[in-house]
């Protein structure tokens, strides 16, 4: 269902001449060791996104990989929040700056 919906959305946007830039999902919890409750589902969705991105040949930004790498480097206590989010899901100021920097890398 997720894959088909994503493919349909990209097709509809491109039909209307809207430039698509696909970003993978980021977080529900910031533990870097894969023990956040939703990590398996987020990884599954991100992998589906990567497959669709490749098949549709659309520009992308793999924010999931960037977030996990950031947590591994900057969350030595393996906290569930407070690194790039204020609650494990919604970005704090540092998280917004991080996403902006990741997006700027994509468009340079």
N, C-alpha and C. Protein backbone atom coordinates (compact mmCIF):
# COMPACT_ATOMS: atom_id res chain seq x y z
N UNK A 1 0.82 -1.19 0.00
CA UNK A 1 0.00 0.00 0.00
C UNK A 1 0.87 1.27 0.00
N UNK A 2 1.87 1.31 0.89
CA UNK A 2 2.75 2.48 0.97
C UNK A 2 3.48 2.69 -0.36
N UNK A 3 4.03 1.62 -0.92
CA UNK A 3 4.79 1.72 -2.17
C UNK A 3 3.90 2.23 -3.29
N UNK A 4 2.74 1.65 -3.45
CA UNK A 4 1.82 2.05 -4.52
C UNK A 4 1.38 3.50 -4.33
N UNK A 5 1.07 3.89 -3.12
CA UNK A 5 0.66 5.28 -2.85
C UNK A 5 1.78 6.26 -3.18
N UNK A 6 3.01 5.90 -2.83
CA UNK A 6 4.15 6.77 -3.12
C UNK A 6 4.37 6.88 -4.62
N UNK A 7 4.31 5.75 -5.31
CA UNK A 7 4.47 5.77 -6.78
C UNK A 7 3.39 6.62 -7.43
N UNK A 8 2.15 6.45 -6.99
CA UNK A 8 1.04 7.24 -7.55
C UNK A 8 1.22 8.73 -7.29
N UNK A 9 1.65 9.07 -6.09
CA UNK A 9 1.87 10.49 -5.75
C UNK A 9 2.95 11.09 -6.64
N UNK A 10 4.05 10.40 -6.79
CA UNK A 10 5.13 10.91 -7.65
C UNK A 10 4.63 11.07 -9.08
N UNK A 11 3.90 10.09 -9.58
CA UNK A 11 3.36 10.17 -10.94
C UNK A 11 2.43 11.37 -11.10
N UNK A 12 1.55 11.59 -10.13
CA UNK A 12 0.62 12.72 -10.20
C UNK A 12 1.36 14.05 -10.18
N UNK A 13 2.34 14.18 -9.33
CA UNK A 13 3.11 15.43 -9.24
C UNK A 13 3.88 15.68 -10.53
N UNK A 14 4.54 14.64 -11.03
CA UNK A 14 5.31 14.80 -12.27
C UNK A 14 4.42 15.10 -13.46
N UNK A 15 3.22 14.54 -13.49
CA UNK A 15 2.26 14.82 -14.57
C UNK A 15 1.91 16.31 -14.59
N UNK A 16 1.89 16.92 -13.42
CA UNK A 16 1.59 18.35 -13.30
C UNK A 16 2.85 19.22 -13.41
N UNK A 17 3.96 18.58 -13.79
CA UNK A 17 5.25 19.27 -13.97
C UNK A 17 5.79 19.84 -12.66
N UNK A 18 5.51 19.15 -11.56
CA UNK A 18 6.02 19.54 -10.25
C UNK A 18 7.28 18.73 -9.97
N UNK A 19 8.38 19.41 -9.68
CA UNK A 19 9.65 18.74 -9.39
C UNK A 19 9.56 18.02 -8.05
N UNK A 20 9.79 16.74 -8.07
CA UNK A 20 9.75 15.91 -6.86
C UNK A 20 11.16 15.75 -6.31
N UNK A 21 11.30 15.96 -5.02
CA UNK A 21 12.51 15.61 -4.29
C UNK A 21 12.03 14.77 -3.11
N UNK A 22 12.35 13.50 -3.13
CA UNK A 22 11.87 12.57 -2.11
C UNK A 22 12.86 12.51 -0.95
N UNK A 23 12.33 12.62 0.27
CA UNK A 23 13.14 12.46 1.48
C UNK A 23 12.64 11.25 2.24
N UNK A 24 13.56 10.44 2.73
CA UNK A 24 13.16 9.31 3.55
C UNK A 24 12.69 9.80 4.91
N UNK A 25 11.90 8.96 5.56
CA UNK A 25 11.40 9.25 6.90
C UNK A 25 12.57 9.39 7.87
N UNK A 26 12.36 10.09 8.96
CA UNK A 26 13.49 10.34 9.86
C UNK A 26 13.40 9.55 11.17
N UNK A 27 12.52 9.94 12.09
CA UNK A 27 12.62 9.35 13.42
C UNK A 27 11.31 9.29 14.18
N UNK A 28 11.22 8.31 15.01
CA UNK A 28 10.30 8.25 16.14
C UNK A 28 11.14 7.62 17.25
N UNK A 29 11.92 8.47 17.88
CA UNK A 29 12.91 8.04 18.87
C UNK A 29 14.30 8.24 18.29
N UNK A 30 15.24 8.60 19.15
CA UNK A 30 16.58 8.95 18.67
C UNK A 30 17.68 8.00 19.13
N UNK A 31 17.33 6.87 19.68
CA UNK A 31 18.38 5.91 20.05
C UNK A 31 19.08 5.44 18.78
N UNK A 32 20.41 5.38 18.84
CA UNK A 32 21.19 5.07 17.65
C UNK A 32 21.42 3.58 17.44
N UNK A 33 20.95 2.76 18.36
CA UNK A 33 21.25 1.33 18.28
C UNK A 33 20.10 0.49 17.69
N UNK A 34 19.09 1.16 17.11
CA UNK A 34 17.99 0.43 16.49
C UNK A 34 16.94 -0.07 17.45
N UNK A 35 16.95 0.42 18.69
CA UNK A 35 15.99 -0.07 19.68
C UNK A 35 14.78 0.83 19.88
N UNK A 36 14.67 1.89 19.10
CA UNK A 36 13.44 2.67 19.16
C UNK A 36 12.30 1.76 18.69
N UNK A 37 11.15 1.88 19.30
CA UNK A 37 10.02 1.00 19.02
C UNK A 37 9.69 0.92 17.53
N UNK A 38 9.74 2.04 16.84
CA UNK A 38 9.32 2.08 15.44
C UNK A 38 10.47 1.94 14.44
N UNK A 39 11.68 1.71 14.90
CA UNK A 39 12.82 1.58 13.97
C UNK A 39 12.61 0.53 12.88
N UNK A 40 12.13 -0.65 13.20
CA UNK A 40 11.96 -1.64 12.12
C UNK A 40 11.00 -1.15 11.02
N UNK A 41 9.91 -0.52 11.41
CA UNK A 41 8.93 -0.03 10.43
C UNK A 41 9.52 1.15 9.64
N UNK A 42 10.23 2.05 10.33
CA UNK A 42 10.85 3.18 9.63
C UNK A 42 11.88 2.70 8.63
N UNK A 43 12.66 1.70 9.00
CA UNK A 43 13.66 1.15 8.08
C UNK A 43 12.97 0.49 6.88
N UNK A 44 11.87 -0.20 7.14
CA UNK A 44 11.12 -0.84 6.06
C UNK A 44 10.58 0.21 5.09
N UNK A 45 9.97 1.26 5.63
CA UNK A 45 9.45 2.34 4.78
C UNK A 45 10.58 3.03 4.02
N UNK A 46 11.69 3.31 4.70
CA UNK A 46 12.81 3.97 4.03
C UNK A 46 13.34 3.12 2.89
N UNK A 47 13.40 1.81 3.08
CA UNK A 47 13.89 0.94 2.01
C UNK A 47 12.91 0.93 0.83
N UNK A 48 11.63 0.94 1.10
CA UNK A 48 10.64 1.05 0.02
C UNK A 48 10.82 2.37 -0.71
N UNK A 49 11.01 3.44 0.04
CA UNK A 49 11.24 4.74 -0.58
C UNK A 49 12.47 4.70 -1.49
N UNK A 50 13.55 4.11 -1.00
CA UNK A 50 14.78 4.02 -1.81
C UNK A 50 14.53 3.26 -3.11
N UNK A 51 13.75 2.20 -3.05
CA UNK A 51 13.43 1.42 -4.25
C UNK A 51 12.61 2.25 -5.24
N UNK A 52 11.61 2.97 -4.74
CA UNK A 52 10.77 3.81 -5.60
C UNK A 52 11.59 4.95 -6.19
N UNK A 53 12.43 5.56 -5.37
CA UNK A 53 13.30 6.65 -5.83
C UNK A 53 14.16 6.17 -7.00
N UNK A 54 14.74 5.00 -6.85
CA UNK A 54 15.60 4.45 -7.90
C UNK A 54 14.78 4.14 -9.16
N UNK A 55 13.64 3.50 -8.99
CA UNK A 55 12.81 3.13 -10.14
C UNK A 55 12.25 4.35 -10.87
N UNK A 56 11.88 5.37 -10.12
CA UNK A 56 11.29 6.58 -10.72
C UNK A 56 12.36 7.60 -11.11
N UNK A 57 13.60 7.36 -10.69
CA UNK A 57 14.71 8.26 -11.00
C UNK A 57 14.42 9.70 -10.58
N UNK A 58 14.01 9.85 -9.32
CA UNK A 58 13.75 11.19 -8.79
C UNK A 58 14.87 11.58 -7.83
N UNK A 59 15.15 12.87 -7.74
CA UNK A 59 16.15 13.33 -6.76
C UNK A 59 15.68 12.96 -5.35
N UNK A 60 16.63 12.69 -4.48
CA UNK A 60 16.25 12.31 -3.12
C UNK A 60 17.28 12.76 -2.11
N UNK A 61 16.84 12.72 -0.87
CA UNK A 61 17.71 13.00 0.26
C UNK A 61 17.40 11.93 1.31
N UNK A 62 18.36 11.10 1.59
CA UNK A 62 18.16 10.00 2.54
C UNK A 62 18.35 10.51 3.96
N UNK A 63 17.33 11.22 4.44
CA UNK A 63 17.40 11.79 5.78
C UNK A 63 17.47 10.71 6.86
N UNK A 64 16.87 9.56 6.63
CA UNK A 64 16.94 8.48 7.63
C UNK A 64 18.39 8.11 7.90
N UNK A 65 19.15 7.89 6.83
CA UNK A 65 20.57 7.54 7.01
C UNK A 65 21.34 8.67 7.68
N UNK A 66 21.04 9.90 7.30
CA UNK A 66 21.73 11.06 7.89
C UNK A 66 21.43 11.18 9.37
N UNK A 67 20.16 11.00 9.75
CA UNK A 67 19.79 11.08 11.16
C UNK A 67 20.48 9.99 11.97
N UNK A 68 20.44 8.75 11.49
CA UNK A 68 21.06 7.64 12.23
C UNK A 68 22.56 7.89 12.40
N UNK A 69 23.22 8.35 11.34
CA UNK A 69 24.65 8.64 11.43
C UNK A 69 24.92 9.75 12.45
N UNK A 70 24.08 10.77 12.45
CA UNK A 70 24.24 11.87 13.41
C UNK A 70 24.08 11.36 14.84
N UNK A 71 23.05 10.53 15.07
CA UNK A 71 22.86 10.01 16.42
C UNK A 71 24.04 9.16 16.87
N UNK A 72 24.56 8.36 15.98
CA UNK A 72 25.70 7.51 16.35
C UNK A 72 26.89 8.36 16.77
N UNK A 73 27.07 9.51 16.12
CA UNK A 73 28.20 10.39 16.41
C UNK A 73 27.93 11.34 17.58
N UNK A 74 26.65 11.64 17.86
CA UNK A 74 26.34 12.71 18.79
C UNK A 74 25.39 12.34 19.93
N UNK A 75 25.11 11.07 20.10
CA UNK A 75 24.22 10.63 21.17
C UNK A 75 24.90 9.49 21.95
N UNK A 76 25.99 9.78 22.64
CA UNK A 76 26.74 8.72 23.32
C UNK A 76 25.94 8.01 24.42
N UNK A 77 24.95 8.68 24.99
CA UNK A 77 24.14 8.07 26.05
C UNK A 77 22.92 7.33 25.49
N UNK A 78 22.78 7.32 24.15
CA UNK A 78 21.70 6.61 23.48
C UNK A 78 20.32 7.05 23.99
N UNK A 79 20.17 8.38 24.17
CA UNK A 79 18.91 8.94 24.66
C UNK A 79 17.83 8.84 23.57
N UNK A 80 16.59 8.75 24.00
CA UNK A 80 15.46 8.63 23.08
C UNK A 80 15.01 9.94 22.47
N UNK A 81 15.46 11.06 23.03
CA UNK A 81 15.10 12.38 22.50
C UNK A 81 16.08 13.42 23.02
N UNK A 82 15.95 14.64 22.49
CA UNK A 82 16.78 15.74 22.94
C UNK A 82 18.03 15.96 22.11
N UNK A 83 18.21 15.19 21.06
CA UNK A 83 19.39 15.36 20.20
C UNK A 83 19.00 16.22 19.00
N UNK A 84 18.13 15.71 18.15
CA UNK A 84 17.61 16.48 17.01
C UNK A 84 16.10 16.72 17.14
N UNK A 85 15.51 16.15 18.18
CA UNK A 85 14.08 16.34 18.43
C UNK A 85 13.86 16.72 19.89
N UNK A 86 12.69 17.27 20.17
CA UNK A 86 12.38 17.56 21.57
C UNK A 86 11.56 16.43 22.20
N UNK A 87 11.04 15.52 21.35
CA UNK A 87 10.21 14.43 21.89
C UNK A 87 10.45 13.09 21.18
N UNK A 88 11.52 12.99 20.42
CA UNK A 88 11.80 11.78 19.67
C UNK A 88 11.24 11.80 18.27
N UNK A 89 10.37 12.75 17.97
CA UNK A 89 9.72 12.82 16.67
C UNK A 89 9.79 14.20 16.04
N UNK A 90 9.42 15.23 16.78
CA UNK A 90 9.36 16.59 16.24
C UNK A 90 10.70 17.30 16.44
N UNK A 91 11.19 17.87 15.37
CA UNK A 91 12.53 18.46 15.38
C UNK A 91 12.61 19.66 16.32
N UNK A 92 13.71 19.73 17.04
CA UNK A 92 14.03 20.91 17.83
C UNK A 92 14.82 21.86 16.93
N UNK A 93 15.34 22.96 17.47
CA UNK A 93 16.09 23.92 16.64
C UNK A 93 17.29 23.25 15.96
N UNK A 94 18.03 22.44 16.70
CA UNK A 94 19.18 21.74 16.13
C UNK A 94 18.73 20.82 15.00
N UNK A 95 17.61 20.13 15.19
CA UNK A 95 17.07 19.24 14.17
C UNK A 95 16.69 20.00 12.90
N UNK A 96 16.05 21.15 13.08
CA UNK A 96 15.66 21.96 11.90
C UNK A 96 16.89 22.46 11.16
N UNK A 97 17.92 22.87 11.90
CA UNK A 97 19.16 23.32 11.27
C UNK A 97 19.84 22.16 10.55
N UNK A 98 19.79 20.97 11.15
CA UNK A 98 20.40 19.79 10.55
C UNK A 98 19.70 19.44 9.23
N UNK A 99 18.37 19.42 9.25
CA UNK A 99 17.61 19.11 8.03
C UNK A 99 17.88 20.17 6.96
N UNK A 100 17.90 21.44 7.35
CA UNK A 100 18.18 22.51 6.38
C UNK A 100 19.56 22.30 5.74
N UNK A 101 20.55 21.98 6.55
CA UNK A 101 21.90 21.75 6.02
C UNK A 101 21.92 20.54 5.09
N UNK A 102 21.22 19.46 5.47
CA UNK A 102 21.15 18.27 4.61
C UNK A 102 20.47 18.60 3.28
N UNK A 103 19.42 19.40 3.32
CA UNK A 103 18.72 19.78 2.09
C UNK A 103 19.61 20.67 1.22
N UNK A 104 20.33 21.59 1.83
CA UNK A 104 21.22 22.47 1.07
C UNK A 104 22.31 21.67 0.37
N UNK A 105 22.81 20.62 1.02
CA UNK A 105 23.81 19.75 0.37
C UNK A 105 23.24 19.17 -0.92
N UNK A 106 21.98 18.82 -0.88
CA UNK A 106 21.32 18.19 -2.04
C UNK A 106 21.18 19.16 -3.21
N UNK A 107 21.01 20.44 -2.91
CA UNK A 107 20.74 21.42 -3.96
C UNK A 107 21.95 22.22 -4.40
N UNK A 108 23.12 21.91 -3.86
CA UNK A 108 24.33 22.64 -4.28
C UNK A 108 24.88 22.02 -5.54
